[in-house]
């Protein structure tokens, strides 16, 4: 748990100001298997002072998010291809 908390701390310290402000406003959402670690959300909240929540379905959210990114990438690539044809 200490390693995870340290990694969160380091990541937040290296976060650009604009994204940092976004995280302060919206908080951190835990996803994946790590989100299921008992009291991880509570510990991160205590360590950072930021709001922390767990995704509704943390294991599926990683897969769904990756699928969404892949679809967006394909759409963007298709758009660039169409622009080259013009």
N, C-alpha and C. Protein backbone atom coordinates (compact mmCIF):
# COMPACT_ATOMS: atom_id res chain seq x y z
N UNK A 1 0.83 -1.19 0.00
CA UNK A 1 0.00 0.00 0.00
C UNK A 1 0.88 1.25 0.00
N UNK A 2 1.98 1.23 0.75
CA UNK A 2 2.87 2.39 0.82
C UNK A 2 3.44 2.73 -0.55
N UNK A 3 3.75 1.72 -1.34
CA UNK A 3 4.29 1.94 -2.68
C UNK A 3 3.27 2.64 -3.57
N UNK A 4 2.03 2.22 -3.48
CA UNK A 4 0.96 2.84 -4.27
C UNK A 4 0.78 4.29 -3.85
N UNK A 5 0.71 4.53 -2.55
CA UNK A 5 0.52 5.89 -2.06
C UNK A 5 1.68 6.80 -2.48
N UNK A 6 2.89 6.28 -2.44
CA UNK A 6 4.04 7.06 -2.87
C UNK A 6 3.95 7.37 -4.37
N UNK A 7 3.54 6.41 -5.16
CA UNK A 7 3.39 6.62 -6.60
C UNK A 7 2.34 7.68 -6.90
N UNK A 8 1.25 7.67 -6.15
CA UNK A 8 0.20 8.68 -6.32
C UNK A 8 0.77 10.06 -5.98
N UNK A 9 1.49 10.16 -4.88
CA UNK A 9 2.10 11.42 -4.46
C UNK A 9 3.05 11.96 -5.54
N UNK A 10 3.92 11.10 -6.04
CA UNK A 10 4.88 11.52 -7.08
C UNK A 10 4.15 11.96 -8.35
N UNK A 11 3.15 11.19 -8.75
CA UNK A 11 2.38 11.55 -9.95
C UNK A 11 1.72 12.91 -9.80
N UNK A 12 1.14 13.16 -8.62
CA UNK A 12 0.49 14.46 -8.39
C UNK A 12 1.50 15.60 -8.39
N UNK A 13 2.68 15.37 -7.85
CA UNK A 13 3.72 16.40 -7.84
C UNK A 13 4.18 16.74 -9.25
N UNK A 14 4.13 15.79 -10.16
CA UNK A 14 4.60 15.99 -11.54
C UNK A 14 3.49 16.42 -12.49
N UNK A 15 2.29 16.54 -11.99
CA UNK A 15 1.14 16.87 -12.82
C UNK A 15 1.16 18.35 -13.20
N UNK A 16 0.95 18.67 -14.49
CA UNK A 16 0.90 20.07 -14.92
C UNK A 16 -0.23 20.81 -14.21
N UNK A 17 -0.05 22.13 -13.99
CA UNK A 17 -1.02 22.92 -13.22
C UNK A 17 -2.47 22.82 -13.70
N UNK A 18 -2.70 22.86 -15.01
CA UNK A 18 -4.08 22.82 -15.51
C UNK A 18 -4.75 21.49 -15.16
N UNK A 19 -4.04 20.39 -15.34
CA UNK A 19 -4.58 19.08 -14.99
C UNK A 19 -4.73 18.95 -13.49
N UNK A 20 -3.80 19.52 -12.76
CA UNK A 20 -3.85 19.49 -11.30
C UNK A 20 -5.11 20.18 -10.79
N UNK A 21 -5.46 21.30 -11.40
CA UNK A 21 -6.69 22.02 -11.02
C UNK A 21 -7.91 21.16 -11.31
N UNK A 22 -7.89 20.46 -12.43
CA UNK A 22 -8.99 19.56 -12.79
C UNK A 22 -9.14 18.44 -11.76
N UNK A 23 -8.01 17.88 -11.34
CA UNK A 23 -8.04 16.80 -10.34
C UNK A 23 -8.56 17.33 -9.01
N UNK A 24 -8.16 18.55 -8.65
CA UNK A 24 -8.65 19.14 -7.41
C UNK A 24 -10.16 19.33 -7.44
N UNK A 25 -10.68 19.72 -8.62
CA UNK A 25 -12.12 19.94 -8.76
C UNK A 25 -12.92 18.65 -8.83
N UNK A 26 -12.43 17.70 -9.61
CA UNK A 26 -13.20 16.49 -9.89
C UNK A 26 -12.79 15.30 -9.04
N UNK A 27 -11.56 15.30 -8.55
CA UNK A 27 -11.07 14.20 -7.73
C UNK A 27 -10.44 13.10 -8.55
N UNK A 28 -10.15 12.01 -7.89
CA UNK A 28 -9.50 10.85 -8.48
C UNK A 28 -10.51 9.71 -8.52
N UNK A 29 -10.59 9.03 -9.66
CA UNK A 29 -11.45 7.86 -9.78
C UNK A 29 -10.54 6.64 -9.93
N UNK A 30 -10.67 5.70 -9.02
CA UNK A 30 -9.88 4.48 -9.07
C UNK A 30 -10.55 3.46 -9.99
N UNK A 31 -9.74 2.85 -10.86
CA UNK A 31 -10.25 1.82 -11.77
C UNK A 31 -9.31 0.63 -11.73
N UNK A 32 -9.72 -0.46 -12.33
CA UNK A 32 -8.87 -1.64 -12.39
C UNK A 32 -8.88 -2.41 -11.08
N UNK A 33 -8.07 -3.45 -11.06
CA UNK A 33 -8.02 -4.32 -9.89
C UNK A 33 -7.55 -3.62 -8.63
N UNK A 34 -6.65 -2.64 -8.77
CA UNK A 34 -6.15 -1.91 -7.60
C UNK A 34 -7.25 -1.18 -6.86
N UNK A 35 -8.30 -0.79 -7.59
CA UNK A 35 -9.42 -0.10 -6.96
C UNK A 35 -10.13 -0.97 -5.93
N UNK A 36 -9.93 -2.28 -6.05
CA UNK A 36 -10.59 -3.22 -5.15
C UNK A 36 -9.81 -3.47 -3.86
N UNK A 37 -8.61 -2.89 -3.76
CA UNK A 37 -7.84 -3.04 -2.52
C UNK A 37 -8.58 -2.34 -1.38
N UNK A 38 -8.74 -3.05 -0.30
CA UNK A 38 -9.51 -2.54 0.84
C UNK A 38 -8.94 -1.22 1.35
N UNK A 39 -9.80 -0.22 1.43
CA UNK A 39 -9.52 1.11 1.97
C UNK A 39 -8.51 1.93 1.16
N UNK A 40 -8.20 1.52 -0.07
CA UNK A 40 -7.27 2.31 -0.87
C UNK A 40 -7.81 3.71 -1.12
N UNK A 41 -9.10 3.80 -1.44
CA UNK A 41 -9.70 5.12 -1.67
C UNK A 41 -9.58 6.01 -0.43
N UNK A 42 -9.85 5.44 0.72
CA UNK A 42 -9.76 6.19 1.98
C UNK A 42 -8.33 6.66 2.24
N UNK A 43 -7.36 5.77 2.04
CA UNK A 43 -5.95 6.12 2.28
C UNK A 43 -5.47 7.22 1.34
N UNK A 44 -5.85 7.13 0.06
CA UNK A 44 -5.44 8.18 -0.90
C UNK A 44 -6.10 9.49 -0.52
N UNK A 45 -7.36 9.45 -0.13
CA UNK A 45 -8.07 10.66 0.30
C UNK A 45 -7.37 11.29 1.50
N UNK A 46 -6.99 10.48 2.47
CA UNK A 46 -6.30 10.98 3.67
C UNK A 46 -4.93 11.56 3.33
N UNK A 47 -4.20 10.90 2.44
CA UNK A 47 -2.84 11.33 2.08
C UNK A 47 -2.83 12.59 1.23
N UNK A 48 -3.81 12.73 0.34
CA UNK A 48 -3.79 13.83 -0.63
C UNK A 48 -4.76 14.97 -0.31
N UNK A 49 -5.80 14.67 0.47
CA UNK A 49 -6.83 15.67 0.72
C UNK A 49 -7.76 15.85 -0.46
N UNK A 50 -7.65 14.98 -1.46
CA UNK A 50 -8.49 15.08 -2.66
C UNK A 50 -9.67 14.12 -2.56
N UNK A 51 -10.76 14.45 -3.26
CA UNK A 51 -11.88 13.51 -3.31
C UNK A 51 -11.46 12.28 -4.12
N UNK A 52 -11.79 11.10 -3.63
CA UNK A 52 -11.44 9.85 -4.31
C UNK A 52 -12.68 8.98 -4.35
N UNK A 53 -12.95 8.42 -5.53
CA UNK A 53 -14.08 7.50 -5.66
C UNK A 53 -13.62 6.26 -6.43
N UNK A 54 -14.44 5.24 -6.38
CA UNK A 54 -14.17 4.00 -7.09
C UNK A 54 -15.18 3.90 -8.23
N UNK A 55 -14.70 3.57 -9.43
CA UNK A 55 -15.59 3.40 -10.58
C UNK A 55 -16.67 2.37 -10.25
N UNK A 56 -17.84 2.53 -10.86
CA UNK A 56 -18.95 1.61 -10.60
C UNK A 56 -18.56 0.15 -10.83
N UNK A 57 -17.85 -0.10 -11.90
CA UNK A 57 -17.38 -1.46 -12.21
C UNK A 57 -15.90 -1.33 -12.57
N UNK A 58 -15.03 -1.29 -11.54
CA UNK A 58 -13.63 -0.97 -11.79
C UNK A 58 -12.91 -1.89 -12.77
N UNK A 59 -13.25 -3.17 -12.79
CA UNK A 59 -12.58 -4.08 -13.71
C UNK A 59 -13.03 -3.85 -15.15
N UNK A 60 -14.31 -3.66 -15.35
CA UNK A 60 -14.83 -3.44 -16.71
C UNK A 60 -14.49 -2.05 -17.22
N UNK A 61 -14.36 -1.08 -16.33
CA UNK A 61 -14.12 0.30 -16.77
C UNK A 61 -12.81 0.44 -17.53
N UNK A 62 -11.81 -0.33 -17.17
CA UNK A 62 -10.53 -0.28 -17.87
C UNK A 62 -10.71 -0.77 -19.31
N UNK A 63 -11.42 -1.88 -19.48
CA UNK A 63 -11.65 -2.43 -20.81
C UNK A 63 -12.52 -1.49 -21.63
N UNK A 64 -13.58 -0.98 -21.03
CA UNK A 64 -14.48 -0.08 -21.75
C UNK A 64 -13.76 1.21 -22.16
N UNK A 65 -12.95 1.74 -21.27
CA UNK A 65 -12.19 2.95 -21.59
C UNK A 65 -11.20 2.73 -22.70
N UNK A 66 -10.54 1.60 -22.70
CA UNK A 66 -9.58 1.27 -23.76
C UNK A 66 -10.31 1.14 -25.09
N UNK A 67 -11.47 0.51 -25.08
CA UNK A 67 -12.28 0.38 -26.30
C UNK A 67 -12.70 1.74 -26.83
N UNK A 68 -13.11 2.63 -25.96
CA UNK A 68 -13.51 3.98 -26.36
C UNK A 68 -12.34 4.72 -26.98
N UNK A 69 -11.17 4.62 -26.36
CA UNK A 69 -9.98 5.28 -26.91
C UNK A 69 -9.65 4.73 -28.29
N UNK A 70 -9.75 3.42 -28.46
CA UNK A 70 -9.46 2.80 -29.76
C UNK A 70 -10.42 3.31 -30.82
N UNK A 71 -11.70 3.42 -30.47
CA UNK A 71 -12.69 3.93 -31.41
C UNK A 71 -12.40 5.38 -31.79
N UNK A 72 -12.04 6.19 -30.81
CA UNK A 72 -11.71 7.60 -31.09
C UNK A 72 -10.47 7.71 -31.97
N UNK A 73 -9.48 6.86 -31.72
CA UNK A 73 -8.27 6.87 -32.52
C UNK A 73 -8.59 6.50 -33.96
N UNK A 74 -9.41 5.48 -34.15
CA UNK A 74 -9.79 5.07 -35.50
C UNK A 74 -10.57 6.17 -36.20
N UNK A 75 -11.47 6.83 -35.48
CA UNK A 75 -12.25 7.92 -36.08
C UNK A 75 -11.34 9.07 -36.47
N UNK A 76 -10.38 9.40 -35.62
CA UNK A 76 -9.45 10.49 -35.92
C UNK A 76 -8.58 10.12 -37.12
N UNK A 77 -8.10 8.88 -37.16
CA UNK A 77 -7.27 8.44 -38.28
C UNK A 77 -8.07 8.47 -39.58
N UNK A 78 -9.33 8.08 -39.52
CA UNK A 78 -10.20 8.10 -40.70
C UNK A 78 -10.40 9.55 -41.16
N UNK A 79 -10.58 10.47 -40.21
CA UNK A 79 -10.75 11.88 -40.55
C UNK A 79 -9.52 12.45 -41.24
N UNK A 80 -8.34 12.09 -40.76
CA UNK A 80 -7.10 12.56 -41.38
C UNK A 80 -6.99 11.99 -42.79
N UNK A 81 -7.33 10.73 -42.96
CA UNK A 81 -7.28 10.09 -44.27
C UNK A 81 -8.20 10.82 -45.24
N UNK A 82 -9.40 11.16 -44.80
CA UNK A 82 -10.35 11.87 -45.66
C UNK A 82 -9.83 13.24 -46.03
N UNK A 83 -9.18 13.94 -45.08
CA UNK A 83 -8.62 15.26 -45.39
C UNK A 83 -7.54 15.17 -46.46
N UNK A 84 -6.76 14.11 -46.44
CA UNK A 84 -5.69 13.94 -47.44
C UNK A 84 -6.28 13.71 -48.83
N UNK A 85 -7.48 13.18 -48.88
CA UNK A 85 -8.10 12.91 -50.19
C UNK A 85 -8.63 14.19 -50.83
N UNK A 86 -8.87 15.21 -50.03
CA UNK A 86 -9.45 16.47 -50.56
C UNK A 86 -8.41 17.28 -51.28
